[in-house]
Amino acid sequence: MVSIYNVKAKFLILDIETTLDGEIFDISFGIYSRQGGKIGSFGYIVAENEEKSLYFPNKAARYEEYKQQKRYKVEPFAKIMAIMAAIIRRDQPDYATAYNSGFDFTKIQEACKIAKIENPLEKLQEVDLYHMATQTLGKQKWYKEFVDNNKLQTPKGNRKTNAQTMYAYMILNPEFEEEHTGLADIEIEIEILERVLRQKKKMDTKRNEKAWKIAQG
């Protein structure tokens, strides 16, 4: 297996958005090569859930706009998985990642099990961008100062470590807001991934839902 730090390493970056009741609405993914940058990105709305209420209801108009612009296609879940599998075979990424991969990958796995189809992500080694980011960027004193100075804490007073806050730190803009549509979010996640890998730090790449604790010390 090629190292994540190798310039030839390729990653499938996944971002999903859900309906109010937790079903998958948006499946977006991109292929990123450290050597060649973003190879492509793909956005799909799950046909079975297209008419359901969104977790972020204020994004409904944005999705309609994106459909009109043909940035998103509406396809059945099984077809989206077949397309993903074909792209994996074509581009041959080494790793699959998401910001908090435990959430996105589990949702895909559960949906594949219900649909009784193969999960194409199982062919790739999973790395959790969330855990990786908190071990690198989240431990930097400049990150902690940025969060504290701009009052970017949770209601419990903990420093935020979500993708929005990480990217806000990277561009030094505390007003930055994540769009919460898959295609837009994978763009910032690609930049976070590249910044993380440039640190060349030894780190644990496994899922860690409590990775937020790393940035609190």
C-alpha atoms as a PDB file:
ATOM      1  CA  MET A   1       0.000   0.000   0.000  1.00  0.00           C
ATOM      2  CA  VAL A   2       1.352   3.400  -0.987  1.00  0.00           C
ATOM      3  CA  SER A   3       1.898   5.780   1.938  1.00  0.00           C
ATOM      4  CA  ILE A   4      -0.608   8.598   2.447  1.00  0.00           C
ATOM      5  CA  TYR A   5       2.374  10.960   2.182  1.00  0.00           C
ATOM      6  CA  ASN A   6       3.504   9.612  -1.193  1.00  0.00           C
ATOM      7  CA  VAL A   7       2.934  12.197  -3.940  1.00  0.00           C
ATOM      8  CA  LYS A   8       1.354   9.430  -6.046  1.00  0.00           C
ATOM      9  CA  ALA A   9      -1.265   8.616  -3.398  1.00  0.00           C
ATOM     10  CA  LYS A  10      -4.876   8.984  -4.541  1.00  0.00           C
ATOM     11  CA  PHE A  11      -7.895   9.552  -2.334  1.00  0.00           C
ATOM     12  CA  LEU A  12     -11.639   9.220  -2.775  1.00  0.00           C
ATOM     13  CA  ILE A  13     -13.151  11.995  -0.660  1.00  0.00           C
ATOM     14  CA  LEU A  14     -16.779  11.464   0.328  1.00  0.00           C
ATOM     15  CA  ASP A  15     -19.388  13.826   1.745  1.00  0.00           C
ATOM     16  CA  ILE A  16     -23.026  12.968   2.336  1.00  0.00           C
ATOM     17  CA  GLU A  17     -25.955  15.093   3.451  1.00  0.00           C
ATOM     18  CA  THR A  18     -29.081  13.598   4.959  1.00  0.00           C
ATOM     19  CA  THR A  19     -32.797  14.099   5.233  1.00  0.00           C
ATOM     20  CA  LEU A  20     -34.396  15.183   8.485  1.00  0.00           C
ATOM     21  CA  ASP A  21     -35.006  11.532   9.397  1.00  0.00           C
ATOM     22  CA  GLY A  22     -31.407  10.519   8.701  1.00  0.00           C
ATOM     23  CA  GLU A  23     -31.680   8.977   5.245  1.00  0.00           C
ATOM     24  CA  ILE A  24     -29.090   9.835   2.600  1.00  0.00           C
ATOM     25  CA  PHE A  25     -30.117  12.705   0.334  1.00  0.00           C
ATOM     26  CA  ASP A  26     -26.825  13.848  -1.242  1.00  0.00           C
ATOM     27  CA  ILE A  27     -23.881  11.595  -2.115  1.00  0.00           C
ATOM     28  CA  SER A  28     -20.911  13.573  -3.405  1.00  0.00           C
ATOM     29  CA  PHE A  29     -17.372  12.367  -3.904  1.00  0.00           C
ATOM     30  CA  GLY A  30     -14.184  13.465  -5.565  1.00  0.00           C
ATOM     31  CA  ILE A  31     -10.952  11.815  -6.610  1.00  0.00           C
ATOM     32  CA  TYR A  32      -7.843  13.655  -5.486  1.00  0.00           C
ATOM     33  CA  SER A  33      -4.230  12.949  -6.346  1.00  0.00           C
ATOM     34  CA  ARG A  34      -1.425  14.643  -4.431  1.00  0.00           C
ATOM     35  CA  GLN A  35       0.510  14.750  -7.682  1.00  0.00           C
ATOM     36  CA  GLY A  36      -2.248  15.924 -10.006  1.00  0.00           C
ATOM     37  CA  GLY A  37      -4.785  17.642  -7.755  1.00  0.00           C
ATOM     38  CA  LYS A  38      -8.509  17.002  -8.103  1.00  0.00           C
ATOM     39  CA  ILE A  39      -9.162  14.517 -10.896  1.00  0.00           C
ATOM     40  CA  GLY A  40     -12.938  14.881 -10.790  1.00  0.00           C
ATOM     41  CA  SER A  41     -15.971  15.354  -8.547  1.00  0.00           C
ATOM     42  CA  PHE A  42     -19.449  13.877  -8.757  1.00  0.00           C
ATOM     43  CA  GLY A  43     -22.702  14.929  -7.085  1.00  0.00           C
ATOM     44  CA  TYR A  44     -25.857  12.838  -6.838  1.00  0.00           C
ATOM     45  CA  ILE A  45     -29.220  13.245  -5.159  1.00  0.00           C
ATOM     46  CA  VAL A  46     -30.717   9.921  -4.088  1.00  0.00           C
ATOM     47  CA  ALA A  47     -33.937   9.553  -6.094  1.00  0.00           C
ATOM     48  CA  GLU A  48     -35.701   7.575  -3.371  1.00  0.00           C
ATOM     49  CA  ASN A  49     -35.286  10.483  -0.936  1.00  0.00           C
ATOM     50  CA  GLU A  50     -35.504  13.470  -3.276  1.00  0.00           C
ATOM     51  CA  GLU A  51     -38.876  14.677  -1.970  1.00  0.00           C
ATOM     52  CA  LYS A  52     -38.085  14.269   1.732  1.00  0.00           C
ATOM     53  CA  SER A  53     -37.315  17.126   4.128  1.00  0.00           C
ATOM     54  CA  LEU A  54     -33.634  18.002   4.401  1.00  0.00           C
ATOM     55  CA  TYR A  55     -31.624  18.056   7.625  1.00  0.00           C
ATOM     56  CA  PHE A  56     -30.647  21.587   6.546  1.00  0.00           C
ATOM     57  CA  PRO A  57     -34.009  22.702   5.077  1.00  0.00           C
ATOM     58  CA  ASN A  58     -32.641  26.072   3.973  1.00  0.00           C
ATOM     59  CA  LYS A  59     -30.514  24.228   1.387  1.00  0.00           C
ATOM     60  CA  ALA A  60     -33.498  23.006  -0.647  1.00  0.00           C
ATOM     61  CA  ALA A  61     -33.444  26.019  -2.987  1.00  0.00           C
ATOM     62  CA  ARG A  62     -29.692  25.647  -3.470  1.00  0.00           C
ATOM     63  CA  TYR A  63     -30.103  22.020  -4.502  1.00  0.00           C
ATOM     64  CA  GLU A  64     -32.814  23.002  -6.992  1.00  0.00           C
ATOM     65  CA  GLU A  65     -30.435  25.574  -8.440  1.00  0.00           C
ATOM     66  CA  TYR A  66     -27.648  23.012  -8.686  1.00  0.00           C
ATOM     67  CA  LYS A  67     -29.957  20.527 -10.408  1.00  0.00           C
ATOM     68  CA  GLN A  68     -30.867  23.163 -12.989  1.00  0.00           C
ATOM     69  CA  GLN A  69     -27.162  23.828 -13.520  1.00  0.00           C
ATOM     70  CA  LYS A  70     -26.630  20.059 -13.912  1.00  0.00           C
ATOM     71  CA  ARG A  71     -24.086  20.041 -11.105  1.00  0.00           C
ATOM     72  CA  TYR A  72     -26.182  17.287  -9.524  1.00  0.00           C
ATOM     73  CA  LYS A  73     -27.907  14.322 -11.096  1.00  0.00           C
ATOM     74  CA  VAL A  74     -30.835  12.516  -9.502  1.00  0.00           C
ATOM     75  CA  GLU A  75     -30.270   8.755  -9.545  1.00  0.00           C
ATOM     76  CA  PRO A  76     -31.426   5.700  -7.565  1.00  0.00           C
ATOM     77  CA  PHE A  77     -29.101   4.745  -4.732  1.00  0.00           C
ATOM     78  CA  ALA A  78     -28.048   1.461  -6.373  1.00  0.00           C
ATOM     79  CA  LYS A  79     -27.039   3.259  -9.562  1.00  0.00           C
ATOM     80  CA  ILE A  80     -24.992   5.824  -7.611  1.00  0.00           C
ATOM     81  CA  MET A  81     -23.085   2.984  -5.957  1.00  0.00           C
ATOM     82  CA  ALA A  82     -22.522   1.358  -9.356  1.00  0.00           C
ATOM     83  CA  ILE A  83     -21.171   4.656 -10.709  1.00  0.00           C
ATOM     84  CA  MET A  84     -18.890   5.022  -7.689  1.00  0.00           C
ATOM     85  CA  ALA A  85     -17.601   1.476  -8.195  1.00  0.00           C
ATOM     86  CA  ALA A  86     -16.865   2.201 -11.871  1.00  0.00           C
ATOM     87  CA  ILE A  87     -14.962   5.394 -10.993  1.00  0.00           C
ATOM     88  CA  ILE A  88     -12.947   3.519  -8.355  1.00  0.00           C
ATOM     89  CA  ARG A  89     -12.001   0.908 -10.971  1.00  0.00           C
ATOM     90  CA  ARG A  90     -11.074   3.635 -13.461  1.00  0.00           C
ATOM     91  CA  ASP A  91      -9.112   6.023 -11.204  1.00  0.00           C
ATOM     92  CA  GLN A  92      -7.832   3.462  -8.681  1.00  0.00           C
ATOM     93  CA  PRO A  93      -7.672   5.568  -5.507  1.00  0.00           C
ATOM     94  CA  ASP A  94      -5.614   4.105  -2.678  1.00  0.00           C
ATOM     95  CA  TYR A  95      -7.681   5.507   0.189  1.00  0.00           C
ATOM     96  CA  ALA A  96     -11.202   6.638   0.968  1.00  0.00           C
ATOM     97  CA  THR A  97     -11.782   9.448   3.430  1.00  0.00           C
ATOM     98  CA  ALA A  98     -14.361  11.830   4.827  1.00  0.00           C
ATOM     99  CA  TYR A  99     -14.402  14.435   7.554  1.00  0.00           C
ATOM    100  CA  ASN A 100     -15.676  12.206  10.364  1.00  0.00           C
ATOM    101  CA  SER A 101     -15.615   9.128   8.164  1.00  0.00           C
ATOM    102  CA  GLY A 102     -17.445   7.076  10.764  1.00  0.00           C
ATOM    103  CA  PHE A 103     -20.658   8.961  10.007  1.00  0.00           C
ATOM    104  CA  ASP A 104     -20.489   9.007   6.201  1.00  0.00           C
ATOM    105  CA  PHE A 105     -19.139   5.502   5.740  1.00  0.00           C
ATOM    106  CA  THR A 106     -21.594   3.961   8.199  1.00  0.00           C
ATOM    107  CA  LYS A 107     -24.536   5.616   6.431  1.00  0.00           C
ATOM    108  CA  ILE A 108     -23.367   4.208   3.092  1.00  0.00           C
ATOM    109  CA  GLN A 109     -22.796   0.761   4.588  1.00  0.00           C
ATOM    110  CA  GLU A 110     -26.265   0.698   6.179  1.00  0.00           C
ATOM    111  CA  ALA A 111     -27.943   1.811   2.947  1.00  0.00           C
ATOM    112  CA  CYS A 112     -26.060  -0.810   0.915  1.00  0.00           C
ATOM    113  CA  LYS A 113     -27.123  -3.491   3.367  1.00  0.00           C
ATOM    114  CA  ILE A 114     -30.777  -2.454   3.096  1.00  0.00           C
ATOM    115  CA  ALA A 115     -30.527  -2.346  -0.711  1.00  0.00           C
ATOM    116  CA  LYS A 116     -28.664  -5.689  -0.707  1.00  0.00           C
ATOM    117  CA  ILE A 117     -25.882  -4.375  -2.907  1.00  0.00           C
ATOM    118  CA  GLU A 118     -22.105  -4.315  -2.637  1.00  0.00           C
ATOM    119  CA  ASN A 119     -20.501  -1.333  -0.935  1.00  0.00           C
ATOM    120  CA  PRO A 120     -17.737  -0.062  -3.263  1.00  0.00           C
ATOM    121  CA  LEU A 121     -15.984   1.753  -0.393  1.00  0.00           C
ATOM    122  CA  GLU A 122     -15.078  -1.587   1.190  1.00  0.00           C
ATOM    123  CA  LYS A 123     -12.457  -2.068  -1.528  1.00  0.00           C
ATOM    124  CA  LEU A 124     -10.487   0.934  -0.251  1.00  0.00           C
ATOM    125  CA  GLN A 125      -8.554   1.613   2.941  1.00  0.00           C
ATOM    126  CA  GLU A 126     -10.463   4.124   5.056  1.00  0.00           C
ATOM    127  CA  VAL A 127      -8.721   7.060   6.736  1.00  0.00           C
ATOM    128  CA  ASP A 128     -10.546   9.591   8.890  1.00  0.00           C
ATOM    129  CA  LEU A 129      -9.755  13.162   7.856  1.00  0.00           C
ATOM    130  CA  TYR A 130     -11.331  14.486  11.073  1.00  0.00           C
ATOM    131  CA  HIS A 131      -8.961  12.496  13.287  1.00  0.00           C
ATOM    132  CA  MET A 132      -5.996  13.390  11.072  1.00  0.00           C
ATOM    133  CA  ALA A 133      -6.824  17.111  11.115  1.00  0.00           C
ATOM    134  CA  THR A 134      -7.173  17.326  14.876  1.00  0.00           C
ATOM    135  CA  GLN A 135      -3.823  15.573  15.374  1.00  0.00           C
ATOM    136  CA  THR A 136      -2.061  18.070  13.114  1.00  0.00           C
ATOM    137  CA  LEU A 137      -3.822  21.418  12.638  1.00  0.00           C
ATOM    138  CA  GLY A 138      -5.876  21.063  15.817  1.00  0.00           C
ATOM    139  CA  LYS A 139      -2.770  20.758  17.996  1.00  0.00           C
ATOM    140  CA  GLN A 140      -1.114  23.886  16.612  1.00  0.00           C
ATOM    141  CA  LYS A 141      -0.965  26.767  19.068  1.00  0.00           C
ATOM    142  CA  TRP A 142      -2.002  29.118  16.253  1.00  0.00           C
ATOM    143  CA  TYR A 143      -5.172  27.071  15.738  1.00  0.00           C
ATOM    144  CA  LYS A 144      -6.018  27.225  19.424  1.00  0.00           C
ATOM    145  CA  GLU A 145      -5.351  30.971  19.511  1.00  0.00           C
ATOM    146  CA  PHE A 146      -7.474  31.506  16.383  1.00  0.00           C
ATOM    147  CA  VAL A 147     -10.398  29.579  17.875  1.00  0.00           C
ATOM    148  CA  ASP A 148     -10.128  31.230  21.288  1.00  0.00           C
ATOM    149  CA  ASN A 149      -9.663  34.765  19.941  1.00  0.00           C
ATOM    150  CA  ASN A 150     -12.671  34.414  17.661  1.00  0.00           C
ATOM    151  CA  LYS A 151     -14.848  32.617  20.227  1.00  0.00           C
ATOM    152  CA  LEU A 152     -15.311  29.537  18.052  1.00  0.00           C
ATOM    153  CA  GLN A 153     -16.373  27.240  20.862  1.00  0.00           C
ATOM    154  CA  THR A 154     -19.227  24.807  21.326  1.00  0.00           C
ATOM    155  CA  PRO A 155     -22.036  25.625  23.802  1.00  0.00           C
ATOM    156  CA  LYS A 156     -20.069  23.575  26.357  1.00  0.00           C
ATOM    157  CA  GLY A 157     -17.015  25.772  25.873  1.00  0.00           C
ATOM    158  CA  ASN A 158     -14.901  23.310  23.889  1.00  0.00           C
ATOM    159  CA  ARG A 159     -12.907  24.437  20.868  1.00  0.00           C
ATOM    160  CA  LYS A 160     -14.727  23.543  17.667  1.00  0.00           C
ATOM    161  CA  THR A 161     -12.937  21.048  15.440  1.00  0.00           C
ATOM    162  CA  ASN A 162     -15.403  20.618  12.583  1.00  0.00           C
ATOM    163  CA  ALA A 163     -14.439  21.097   8.937  1.00  0.00           C
ATOM    164  CA  GLN A 164     -15.860  24.624   8.918  1.00  0.00           C
ATOM    165  CA  THR A 165     -13.622  25.723  11.780  1.00  0.00           C
ATOM    166  CA  MET A 166     -10.549  23.963  10.385  1.00  0.00           C
ATOM    167  CA  TYR A 167     -11.003  25.658   7.031  1.00  0.00           C
ATOM    168  CA  ALA A 168     -11.764  29.028   8.635  1.00  0.00           C
ATOM    169  CA  TYR A 169      -8.419  28.723  10.417  1.00  0.00           C
ATOM    170  CA  MET A 170      -6.635  27.804   7.181  1.00  0.00           C
ATOM    171  CA  ILE A 171      -7.921  30.917   5.404  1.00  0.00           C
ATOM    172  CA  LEU A 172      -7.870  33.051   8.574  1.00  0.00           C
ATOM    173  CA  ASN A 173     -11.514  33.990   8.160  1.00  0.00           C
ATOM    174  CA  PRO A 174     -13.603  33.329  11.289  1.00  0.00           C
ATOM    175  CA  GLU A 175     -16.768  34.276   9.359  1.00  0.00           C
ATOM    176  CA  PHE A 176     -16.431  31.397   6.891  1.00  0.00           C
ATOM    177  CA  GLU A 177     -19.523  29.173   6.719  1.00  0.00           C
ATOM    178  CA  GLU A 178     -19.585  25.676   5.280  1.00  0.00           C
ATOM    179  CA  GLU A 179     -22.244  25.339   2.591  1.00  0.00           C
ATOM    180  CA  HIS A 180     -23.466  21.899   3.726  1.00  0.00           C
ATOM    181  CA  THR A 181     -23.955  20.609   0.208  1.00  0.00           C
ATOM    182  CA  GLY A 182     -21.742  17.686  -0.646  1.00  0.00           C
ATOM    183  CA  LEU A 183     -20.001  19.047  -3.738  1.00  0.00           C
ATOM    184  CA  ALA A 184     -19.099  22.326  -2.038  1.00  0.00           C
ATOM    185  CA  ASP A 185     -17.945  20.614   1.135  1.00  0.00           C
ATOM    186  CA  ILE A 186     -15.579  18.172  -0.569  1.00  0.00           C
ATOM    187  CA  GLU A 187     -13.782  21.155  -2.097  1.00  0.00           C
ATOM    188  CA  ILE A 188     -12.774  22.435   1.332  1.00  0.00           C
ATOM    189  CA  GLU A 189     -12.082  18.911   2.571  1.00  0.00           C
ATOM    190  CA  ILE A 190      -9.594  18.401  -0.264  1.00  0.00           C
ATOM    191  CA  GLU A 191      -7.784  21.542   0.895  1.00  0.00           C
ATOM    192  CA  ILE A 192      -7.828  20.359   4.510  1.00  0.00           C
ATOM    193  CA  LEU A 193      -6.457  16.971   3.439  1.00  0.00           C
ATOM    194  CA  GLU A 194      -3.617  18.568   1.488  1.00  0.00           C
ATOM    195  CA  ARG A 195      -2.714  20.868   4.394  1.00  0.00           C
ATOM    196  CA  VAL A 196      -2.755  17.913   6.798  1.00  0.00           C
ATOM    197  CA  LEU A 197      -0.506  15.811   4.572  1.00  0.00           C
ATOM    198  CA  ARG A 198       1.947  18.670   4.176  1.00  0.00           C
ATOM    199  CA  GLN A 199       2.579  18.479   7.936  1.00  0.00           C
ATOM    200  CA  LYS A 200       4.202  15.039   7.432  1.00  0.00           C
ATOM    201  CA  LYS A 201       3.332  14.097  11.003  1.00  0.00           C
ATOM    202  CA  LYS A 202       2.988  10.561  12.270  1.00  0.00           C
ATOM    203  CA  MET A 203      -0.667  10.078  13.120  1.00  0.00           C
ATOM    204  CA  ASP A 204      -3.462   7.617  13.706  1.00  0.00           C
ATOM    205  CA  THR A 205      -5.732   7.503  10.655  1.00  0.00           C
ATOM    206  CA  LYS A 206      -8.509   5.396  12.218  1.00  0.00           C
ATOM    207  CA  ARG A 207     -11.983   6.691  13.051  1.00  0.00           C
ATOM    208  CA  ASN A 208     -12.215   8.668  16.260  1.00  0.00           C
ATOM    209  CA  GLU A 209     -15.496  10.335  17.158  1.00  0.00           C
ATOM    210  CA  LYS A 210     -13.809  11.884  20.186  1.00  0.00           C
ATOM    211  CA  ALA A 211     -11.023  13.484  18.165  1.00  0.00           C
ATOM    212  CA  TRP A 212     -12.308  16.892  19.334  1.00  0.00           C
ATOM    213  CA  LYS A 213     -10.596  16.252  22.663  1.00  0.00           C
ATOM    214  CA  ILE A 214      -7.174  16.478  20.981  1.00  0.00           C
ATOM    215  CA  ALA A 215      -7.571  20.215  20.371  1.00  0.00           C
ATOM    216  CA  GLN A 216      -8.630  21.066  23.922  1.00  0.00           C
ATOM    217  CA  GLY A 217      -5.314  20.838  25.773  1.00  0.00           C
END
